[in-house]
Amino acid sequence: MNWLRILLSFAPKFRAGQADNLADTQAISALTRAQDLLTAIDRGGIPLSPIIVNRIARNLGLEVATTDLMPDTIERIRHYIDAQGLTP
């Protein structure tokens, strides 16, 4: 089997309407990641990567500037989750 055929076998197969399901799955995943982040912080964990925190915020649809401080971004994520009624 050639390498292209192998790569294509791992590629996701999309049918009509699956793009909407993918967007829903990504939104759920973003909310889950945000809740997991807040749960870990509430248990005493310290996020070490501002890149990951910023990515979570952006996946929720929040605007994040490169100059924003990580604690401020975490509070914005917390406010977003609280506004959705999904407090961890």
Protein backbone atom coordinates (compact mmCIF):
# COMPACT_ATOMS: atom_id res chain seq x y z
CA MET A 1 0.00 0.00 0.00
CA ASN A 2 1.44 3.40 -0.83
CA TRP A 3 1.81 6.16 1.75
CA LEU A 4 -0.91 8.39 0.25
CA ARG A 5 -3.49 5.64 0.54
CA ILE A 6 -2.46 5.06 4.15
CA LEU A 7 -2.78 8.77 5.00
CA LEU A 8 -6.16 9.00 3.30
CA SER A 9 -7.40 6.02 5.30
CA PHE A 10 -6.86 8.09 8.48
CA ALA A 11 -8.49 11.23 7.07
CA PRO A 12 -11.96 12.01 8.44
CA LYS A 13 -14.78 11.17 6.09
CA PHE A 14 -17.28 14.03 5.80
CA ARG A 15 -20.81 13.66 4.52
CA ALA A 16 -23.49 16.28 4.11
CA GLY A 17 -24.35 17.72 7.51
CA GLN A 18 -21.29 16.42 9.32
CA ALA A 19 -19.61 19.83 9.31
CA ASP A 20 -22.33 21.11 11.66
CA ASN A 21 -21.78 18.15 13.98
CA LEU A 22 -18.05 18.87 13.96
CA ALA A 23 -18.66 22.50 14.96
CA ASP A 24 -20.94 21.34 17.80
CA THR A 25 -18.32 18.84 18.95
CA GLN A 26 -15.63 21.51 18.93
CA ALA A 27 -17.83 23.87 20.96
CA ILE A 28 -18.49 21.15 23.51
CA SER A 29 -14.81 20.36 23.62
CA ALA A 30 -13.96 24.04 24.20
CA LEU A 31 -16.45 24.24 27.07
CA THR A 32 -15.14 21.00 28.55
CA ARG A 33 -11.54 22.19 28.35
CA ALA A 34 -12.50 25.49 29.98
CA GLN A 35 -14.33 23.71 32.79
CA ASP A 36 -11.39 21.36 33.29
CA LEU A 37 -9.02 24.33 33.47
CA LEU A 38 -11.15 26.11 36.07
CA THR A 39 -11.59 22.92 38.11
CA ALA A 40 -7.83 22.37 38.16
CA ILE A 41 -7.22 25.99 39.22
CA ASP A 42 -9.85 25.75 41.96
CA ARG A 43 -8.11 22.63 43.29
CA GLY A 44 -4.88 24.59 43.62
CA GLY A 45 -3.29 23.94 40.25
CA ILE A 46 -1.30 26.61 38.47
CA PRO A 47 -1.54 26.90 34.68
CA LEU A 48 1.98 27.05 33.33
CA SER A 49 1.28 27.81 29.68
CA PRO A 50 -0.39 31.09 28.76
CA ILE A 51 -0.60 29.78 25.20
CA ILE A 52 -2.97 27.00 26.26
CA VAL A 53 -5.06 29.35 28.39
CA ASN A 54 -5.31 31.81 25.49
CA ARG A 55 -6.25 29.02 23.08
CA ILE A 56 -9.05 27.88 25.38
CA ALA A 57 -10.34 31.45 25.62
CA ARG A 58 -10.19 31.93 21.85
CA ASN A 59 -11.99 28.63 21.26
CA LEU A 60 -14.79 29.97 23.45
CA GLY A 61 -14.96 33.01 21.18
CA LEU A 62 -13.28 35.45 23.56
CA GLU A 63 -10.91 38.10 22.23
CA VAL A 64 -7.46 37.71 23.73
CA ALA A 65 -4.65 40.17 23.07
CA THR A 66 -1.04 39.07 23.33
CA THR A 67 -0.59 41.67 26.07
CA ASP A 68 -3.40 40.30 28.27
CA LEU A 69 -2.25 38.85 31.57
CA MET A 70 -3.05 35.18 32.19
CA PRO A 71 -5.01 35.80 35.43
CA ASP A 72 -7.22 38.28 33.56
CA THR A 73 -7.84 35.75 30.78
CA ILE A 74 -8.71 33.08 33.34
CA GLU A 75 -11.22 35.43 34.97
CA ARG A 76 -12.77 36.15 31.56
CA ILE A 77 -13.09 32.40 30.97
CA ARG A 78 -14.67 32.03 34.42
CA HIS A 79 -17.18 34.82 33.67
CA TYR A 80 -18.03 33.20 30.33
CA ILE A 81 -18.62 29.79 31.93
CA ASP A 82 -20.70 31.38 34.71
CA ALA A 83 -22.79 33.30 32.16
CA GLN A 84 -23.49 30.02 30.33
CA GLY A 85 -24.67 28.49 33.60
CA LEU A 86 -21.98 25.81 33.43
CA THR A 87 -20.06 26.49 36.63
CA PRO A 88 -17.74 23.52 37.30
